[in-house]
C-alpha atoms as a PDB file:
ATOM      1  CA  UNK A   1      88.336-139.782   4.181  1.00  0.00           C
ATOM      2  CA  UNK A   2      87.223-137.490   1.357  1.00  0.00           C
ATOM      3  CA  UNK A   3      88.790-134.182   0.458  1.00  0.00           C
ATOM      4  CA  UNK A   4      88.519-131.202   2.752  1.00  0.00           C
ATOM      5  CA  UNK A   5      85.546-128.977   3.278  1.00  0.00           C
ATOM      6  CA  UNK A   6      82.838-128.310   0.794  1.00  0.00           C
ATOM      7  CA  UNK A   7      81.242-124.880   0.486  1.00  0.00           C
ATOM      8  CA  UNK A   8      78.494-124.111   2.990  1.00  0.00           C
ATOM      9  CA  UNK A   9      74.999-123.951   1.470  1.00  0.00           C
ATOM     10  CA  UNK A  10      73.707-120.403   1.035  1.00  0.00           C
ATOM     11  CA  UNK A  11      70.263-118.832   0.853  1.00  0.00           C
ATOM     12  CA  UNK A  12      69.010-116.643  -2.014  1.00  0.00           C
ATOM     13  CA  UNK A  13      70.904-113.650  -0.569  1.00  0.00           C
ATOM     14  CA  UNK A  14      74.169-115.579  -0.448  1.00  0.00           C
ATOM     15  CA  UNK A  15      74.125-115.912   3.333  1.00  0.00           C
ATOM     16  CA  UNK A  16      75.313-119.267   4.766  1.00  0.00           C
ATOM     17  CA  UNK A  17      72.534-121.552   5.988  1.00  0.00           C
ATOM     18  CA  UNK A  18      72.914-123.206   9.362  1.00  0.00           C
ATOM     19  CA  UNK A  19      73.715-126.888   8.960  1.00  0.00           C
ATOM     20  CA  UNK A  20      70.877-129.144  10.117  1.00  0.00           C
ATOM     21  CA  UNK A  21      72.624-132.489  10.031  1.00  0.00           C
ATOM     22  CA  UNK A  22      75.532-134.061  11.860  1.00  0.00           C
ATOM     23  CA  UNK A  23      77.930-135.414   9.217  1.00  0.00           C
ATOM     24  CA  UNK A  24      78.660-138.471  11.355  1.00  0.00           C
ATOM     25  CA  UNK A  25      75.026-139.529  10.881  1.00  0.00           C
ATOM     26  CA  UNK A  26      75.459-139.431   7.092  1.00  0.00           C
ATOM     27  CA  UNK A  27      79.026-140.313   6.217  1.00  0.00           C
ATOM     28  CA  UNK A  28      79.815-144.030   6.004  1.00  0.00           C
ATOM     29  CA  UNK A  29      83.515-144.856   6.128  1.00  0.00           C
ATOM     30  CA  UNK A  30      84.898-146.028   2.777  1.00  0.00           C
ATOM     31  CA  UNK A  31      87.048-148.666   4.461  1.00  0.00           C
ATOM     32  CA  UNK A  32      87.272-150.651   7.669  1.00  0.00           C
ATOM     33  CA  UNK A  33      89.612-149.873  10.577  1.00  0.00           C
ATOM     34  CA  UNK A  34      92.436-151.715   8.781  1.00  0.00           C
ATOM     35  CA  UNK A  35      92.030-149.650   5.621  1.00  0.00           C
ATOM     36  CA  UNK A  36      90.460-152.479   3.648  1.00  0.00           C
ATOM     37  CA  UNK A  37      87.744-151.635   1.130  1.00  0.00           C
ATOM     38  CA  UNK A  38      86.101-153.181  -1.904  1.00  0.00           C
ATOM     39  CA  UNK A  39      84.914-151.498  -5.054  1.00  0.00           C
ATOM     40  CA  UNK A  40      81.358-152.210  -6.219  1.00  0.00           C
ATOM     41  CA  UNK A  41      80.254-151.473  -9.764  1.00  0.00           C
ATOM     42  CA  UNK A  42      76.628-150.825 -10.514  1.00  0.00           C
ATOM     43  CA  UNK A  43      74.740-149.387 -13.415  1.00  0.00           C
ATOM     44  CA  UNK A  44      71.787-147.082 -12.782  1.00  0.00           C
ATOM     45  CA  UNK A  45      69.169-145.338 -14.891  1.00  0.00           C
ATOM     46  CA  UNK A  46      69.996-141.748 -15.889  1.00  0.00           C
ATOM     47  CA  UNK A  47      67.262-140.333 -13.642  1.00  0.00           C
ATOM     48  CA  UNK A  48      68.707-142.077 -10.586  1.00  0.00           C
ATOM     49  CA  UNK A  49      72.193-140.754 -11.337  1.00  0.00           C
ATOM     50  CA  UNK A  50      70.717-137.279 -11.841  1.00  0.00           C
ATOM     51  CA  UNK A  51      68.896-137.571  -8.498  1.00  0.00           C
ATOM     52  CA  UNK A  52      72.157-138.437  -6.725  1.00  0.00           C
ATOM     53  CA  UNK A  53      73.888-135.462  -8.340  1.00  0.00           C
ATOM     54  CA  UNK A  54      70.979-133.166  -7.386  1.00  0.00           C
ATOM     55  CA  UNK A  55      71.347-134.198  -3.737  1.00  0.00           C
ATOM     56  CA  UNK A  56      75.096-133.606  -3.896  1.00  0.00           C
ATOM     57  CA  UNK A  57      74.891-130.239  -5.638  1.00  0.00           C
ATOM     58  CA  UNK A  58      72.139-128.997  -3.296  1.00  0.00           C
ATOM     59  CA  UNK A  59      74.764-128.644  -0.520  1.00  0.00           C
ATOM     60  CA  UNK A  60      71.932-129.383   1.921  1.00  0.00           C
ATOM     61  CA  UNK A  61      73.495-132.571   3.251  1.00  0.00           C
ATOM     62  CA  UNK A  62      77.011-133.163   4.559  1.00  0.00           C
ATOM     63  CA  UNK A  63      78.017-135.273   1.550  1.00  0.00           C
ATOM     64  CA  UNK A  64      81.205-134.276  -0.229  1.00  0.00           C
ATOM     65  CA  UNK A  65      81.209-136.821  -3.029  1.00  0.00           C
ATOM     66  CA  UNK A  66      78.824-138.997  -5.008  1.00  0.00           C
ATOM     67  CA  UNK A  67      80.449-141.980  -3.298  1.00  0.00           C
ATOM     68  CA  UNK A  68      79.423-140.603   0.133  1.00  0.00           C
ATOM     69  CA  UNK A  69      75.793-140.672  -0.996  1.00  0.00           C
ATOM     70  CA  UNK A  70      76.055-144.143  -2.492  1.00  0.00           C
ATOM     71  CA  UNK A  71      77.683-145.606   0.643  1.00  0.00           C
ATOM     72  CA  UNK A  72      74.889-144.119   2.764  1.00  0.00           C
ATOM     73  CA  UNK A  73      72.230-145.506   0.409  1.00  0.00           C
ATOM     74  CA  UNK A  74      73.790-148.967   0.497  1.00  0.00           C
ATOM     75  CA  UNK A  75      74.005-148.904   4.296  1.00  0.00           C
ATOM     76  CA  UNK A  76      70.390-147.780   4.674  1.00  0.00           C
ATOM     77  CA  UNK A  77      69.206-150.283   2.058  1.00  0.00           C
ATOM     78  CA  UNK A  78      70.961-153.159   3.841  1.00  0.00           C
ATOM     79  CA  UNK A  79      69.431-152.025   7.156  1.00  0.00           C
ATOM     80  CA  UNK A  80      65.969-152.032   5.595  1.00  0.00           C
ATOM     81  CA  UNK A  81      66.479-155.534   4.190  1.00  0.00           C
ATOM     82  CA  UNK A  82      67.751-156.790   7.574  1.00  0.00           C
ATOM     83  CA  UNK A  83      64.518-155.512   9.120  1.00  0.00           C
ATOM     84  CA  UNK A  84      62.444-157.390   6.557  1.00  0.00           C
ATOM     85  CA  UNK A  85      64.075-160.817   6.869  1.00  0.00           C
ATOM     86  CA  UNK A  86      66.489-162.457   9.306  1.00  0.00           C
ATOM     87  CA  UNK A  87      69.880-162.338   7.579  1.00  0.00           C
ATOM     88  CA  UNK A  88      73.376-162.057   8.990  1.00  0.00           C
ATOM     89  CA  UNK A  89      73.978-158.475  10.019  1.00  0.00           C
ATOM     90  CA  UNK A  90      77.113-156.379  10.161  1.00  0.00           C
ATOM     91  CA  UNK A  91      75.314-153.022  10.296  1.00  0.00           C
ATOM     92  CA  UNK A  92      76.290-152.320  13.899  1.00  0.00           C
ATOM     93  CA  UNK A  93      79.957-152.994  13.160  1.00  0.00           C
ATOM     94  CA  UNK A  94      79.793-150.733  10.095  1.00  0.00           C
ATOM     95  CA  UNK A  95      78.251-148.000  12.266  1.00  0.00           C
ATOM     96  CA  UNK A  96      80.950-148.314  14.950  1.00  0.00           C
ATOM     97  CA  UNK A  97      83.790-148.227  12.434  1.00  0.00           C
ATOM     98  CA  UNK A  98      82.226-145.245  10.640  1.00  0.00           C
ATOM     99  CA  UNK A  99      81.813-143.327  13.897  1.00  0.00           C
ATOM    100  CA  UNK A 100      85.442-143.946  14.899  1.00  0.00           C
ATOM    101  CA  UNK A 101      86.830-143.012  11.484  1.00  0.00           C
ATOM    102  CA  UNK A 102      84.585-139.926  11.341  1.00  0.00           C
ATOM    103  CA  UNK A 103      85.881-138.772  14.726  1.00  0.00           C
ATOM    104  CA  UNK A 104      89.430-139.206  13.480  1.00  0.00           C
ATOM    105  CA  UNK A 105      88.599-137.189  10.366  1.00  0.00           C
ATOM    106  CA  UNK A 106      86.937-134.458  12.477  1.00  0.00           C
ATOM    107  CA  UNK A 107      90.050-134.135  14.602  1.00  0.00           C
ATOM    108  CA  UNK A 108      92.353-134.025  11.570  1.00  0.00           C
ATOM    109  CA  UNK A 109      90.238-131.337   9.919  1.00  0.00           C
ATOM    110  CA  UNK A 110      90.131-129.382  13.188  1.00  0.00           C
ATOM    111  CA  UNK A 111      93.933-129.320  13.309  1.00  0.00           C
ATOM    112  CA  UNK A 112      94.193-128.489   9.597  1.00  0.00           C
ATOM    113  CA  UNK A 113      91.757-125.581   9.883  1.00  0.00           C
ATOM    114  CA  UNK A 114      93.717-123.878  12.644  1.00  0.00           C
ATOM    115  CA  UNK A 115      97.029-124.550  10.930  1.00  0.00           C
ATOM    116  CA  UNK A 116      95.723-122.846   7.768  1.00  0.00           C
ATOM    117  CA  UNK A 117      94.191-119.981   9.733  1.00  0.00           C
ATOM    118  CA  UNK A 118      97.484-119.432  11.549  1.00  0.00           C
ATOM    119  CA  UNK A 119      99.307-119.319   8.186  1.00  0.00           C
ATOM    120  CA  UNK A 120      96.881-116.749   6.773  1.00  0.00           C
ATOM    121  CA  UNK A 121      97.059-114.538   9.869  1.00  0.00           C
ATOM    122  CA  UNK A 122     100.883-114.697   9.853  1.00  0.00           C
ATOM    123  CA  UNK A 123     100.953-113.813   6.142  1.00  0.00           C
ATOM    124  CA  UNK A 124      98.815-110.728   6.763  1.00  0.00           C
ATOM    125  CA  UNK A 125     100.943-109.689   9.726  1.00  0.00           C
ATOM    126  CA  UNK A 126     104.104-110.109   7.649  1.00  0.00           C
ATOM    127  CA  UNK A 127     102.505-107.832   5.025  1.00  0.00           C
ATOM    128  CA  UNK A 128     101.723-105.201   7.673  1.00  0.00           C
ATOM    129  CA  UNK A 129      97.968-105.809   7.389  1.00  0.00           C
ATOM    130  CA  UNK A 130      96.708-106.499  10.923  1.00  0.00           C
ATOM    131  CA  UNK A 131      93.213-105.324   9.930  1.00  0.00           C
ATOM    132  CA  UNK A 132      93.006-108.095   7.351  1.00  0.00           C
ATOM    133  CA  UNK A 133      94.217-110.606   9.943  1.00  0.00           C
ATOM    134  CA  UNK A 134      91.406-109.460  12.247  1.00  0.00           C
ATOM    135  CA  UNK A 135      88.884-109.700   9.402  1.00  0.00           C
ATOM    136  CA  UNK A 136      89.855-113.308   8.623  1.00  0.00           C
ATOM    137  CA  UNK A 137      89.637-114.294  12.293  1.00  0.00           C
ATOM    138  CA  UNK A 138      86.245-112.560  12.637  1.00  0.00           C
ATOM    139  CA  UNK A 139      84.991-114.262   9.460  1.00  0.00           C
ATOM    140  CA  UNK A 140      86.183-117.635  10.769  1.00  0.00           C
ATOM    141  CA  UNK A 141      84.399-117.021  14.076  1.00  0.00           C
ATOM    142  CA  UNK A 142      81.222-116.184  12.169  1.00  0.00           C
ATOM    143  CA  UNK A 143      81.470-119.450  10.188  1.00  0.00           C
ATOM    144  CA  UNK A 144      82.142-121.466  13.347  1.00  0.00           C
ATOM    145  CA  UNK A 145      79.081-119.947  14.996  1.00  0.00           C
ATOM    146  CA  UNK A 146      77.028-121.271  12.047  1.00  0.00           C
ATOM    147  CA  UNK A 147      78.003-124.866  12.952  1.00  0.00           C
ATOM    148  CA  UNK A 148      75.428-126.974  14.800  1.00  0.00           C
ATOM    149  CA  UNK A 149      75.683-126.663  18.561  1.00  0.00           C
ATOM    150  CA  UNK A 150      77.727-129.369  20.175  1.00  0.00           C
ATOM    151  CA  UNK A 151      81.201-130.612  20.970  1.00  0.00           C
ATOM    152  CA  UNK A 152      82.960-129.597  17.759  1.00  0.00           C
ATOM    153  CA  UNK A 153      81.447-126.114  17.586  1.00  0.00           C
ATOM    154  CA  UNK A 154      82.461-125.503  21.214  1.00  0.00           C
ATOM    155  CA  UNK A 155      85.922-126.894  20.574  1.00  0.00           C
ATOM    156  CA  UNK A 156      86.438-124.666  17.517  1.00  0.00           C
ATOM    157  CA  UNK A 157      85.317-121.564  19.426  1.00  0.00           C
ATOM    158  CA  UNK A 158      87.557-122.388  22.402  1.00  0.00           C
ATOM    159  CA  UNK A 159      90.551-122.918  20.126  1.00  0.00           C
ATOM    160  CA  UNK A 160      89.852-119.688  18.246  1.00  0.00           C
ATOM    161  CA  UNK A 161      89.739-117.699  21.492  1.00  0.00           C
ATOM    162  CA  UNK A 162      92.873-119.460  22.753  1.00  0.00           C
ATOM    163  CA  UNK A 163      94.912-118.839  19.593  1.00  0.00           C
ATOM    164  CA  UNK A 164      93.620-115.438  18.490  1.00  0.00           C
ATOM    165  CA  UNK A 165      92.379-113.495  21.529  1.00  0.00           C
ATOM    166  CA  UNK A 166      93.774-110.188  20.215  1.00  0.00           C
ATOM    167  CA  UNK A 167      91.864-110.442  16.935  1.00  0.00           C
ATOM    168  CA  UNK A 168      88.385-111.135  18.263  1.00  0.00           C
ATOM    169  CA  UNK A 169      85.701-108.552  19.019  1.00  0.00           C
ATOM    170  CA  UNK A 170      87.470-105.733  17.166  1.00  0.00           C
ATOM    171  CA  UNK A 171      85.034-102.942  16.382  1.00  0.00           C
ATOM    172  CA  UNK A 172      84.555-102.128  12.720  1.00  0.00           C
ATOM    173  CA  UNK A 173      85.944-105.379  11.324  1.00  0.00           C
ATOM    174  CA  UNK A 174      84.217-106.207   8.046  1.00  0.00           C
ATOM    175  CA  UNK A 175      83.373-109.832   7.301  1.00  0.00           C
ATOM    176  CA  UNK A 176      83.528-109.182   3.546  1.00  0.00           C
ATOM    177  CA  UNK A 177      86.069-111.563   2.091  1.00  0.00           C
ATOM    178  CA  UNK A 178      87.994-110.155  -0.881  1.00  0.00           C
ATOM    179  CA  UNK A 179      90.123-113.291  -1.268  1.00  0.00           C
ATOM    180  CA  UNK A 180      87.895-116.394  -0.809  1.00  0.00           C
ATOM    181  CA  UNK A 181      90.760-118.877  -1.173  1.00  0.00           C
ATOM    182  CA  UNK A 182      92.806-117.645   1.774  1.00  0.00           C
ATOM    183  CA  UNK A 183      90.997-119.577   4.481  1.00  0.00           C
ATOM    184  CA  UNK A 184      89.537-123.041   3.986  1.00  0.00           C
ATOM    185  CA  UNK A 185      85.761-122.923   4.421  1.00  0.00           C
ATOM    186  CA  UNK A 186      84.326-124.632   7.464  1.00  0.00           C
ATOM    187  CA  UNK A 187      81.531-127.068   7.070  1.00  0.00           C
ATOM    188  CA  UNK A 188      79.006-127.086   9.810  1.00  0.00           C
ATOM    189  CA  UNK A 189      79.650-129.928  12.227  1.00  0.00           C
ATOM    190  CA  UNK A 190      82.783-131.076  10.522  1.00  0.00           C
ATOM    191  CA  UNK A 191      86.286-130.770  11.623  1.00  0.00           C
END
């Protein structure tokens, strides 16, 4: 799967926007369940390439790479053609494989997020900065609450409470993040 989390989209005030879309509805696996994939080469007009990059840079959709967008476009284009004329179809199999591989990626990212958060909290505690540890946990909770409601949001919140009960709901904890690289950003709906 692609690299880890992309920055959450923000409004004009810099506040994160709630994610509207489930990444599993958008991300098409780059390979099958055996890891096999093929590379397609295609030339496009400059305006079409610019349009793809505009979608990617908007941060409004759960795409992380240009390839994510192109795989989705190919899948949707093939579906449309299959609706127009009776041709052999593998769309359902592609969907099943994508769903399975996306679930695997969600679980891996879930584990990675809490591993990184644990490392950051431990680093602050080792530096005698429990207030900073609380701030990072509170900020993470805030980001998790911005995820779309559902299984993964609930699972993240449960894990956060389980691992960091002493750092949640501390009065006076600021969510201002002086060091943005300390905790990997969470993408709504992704794990």
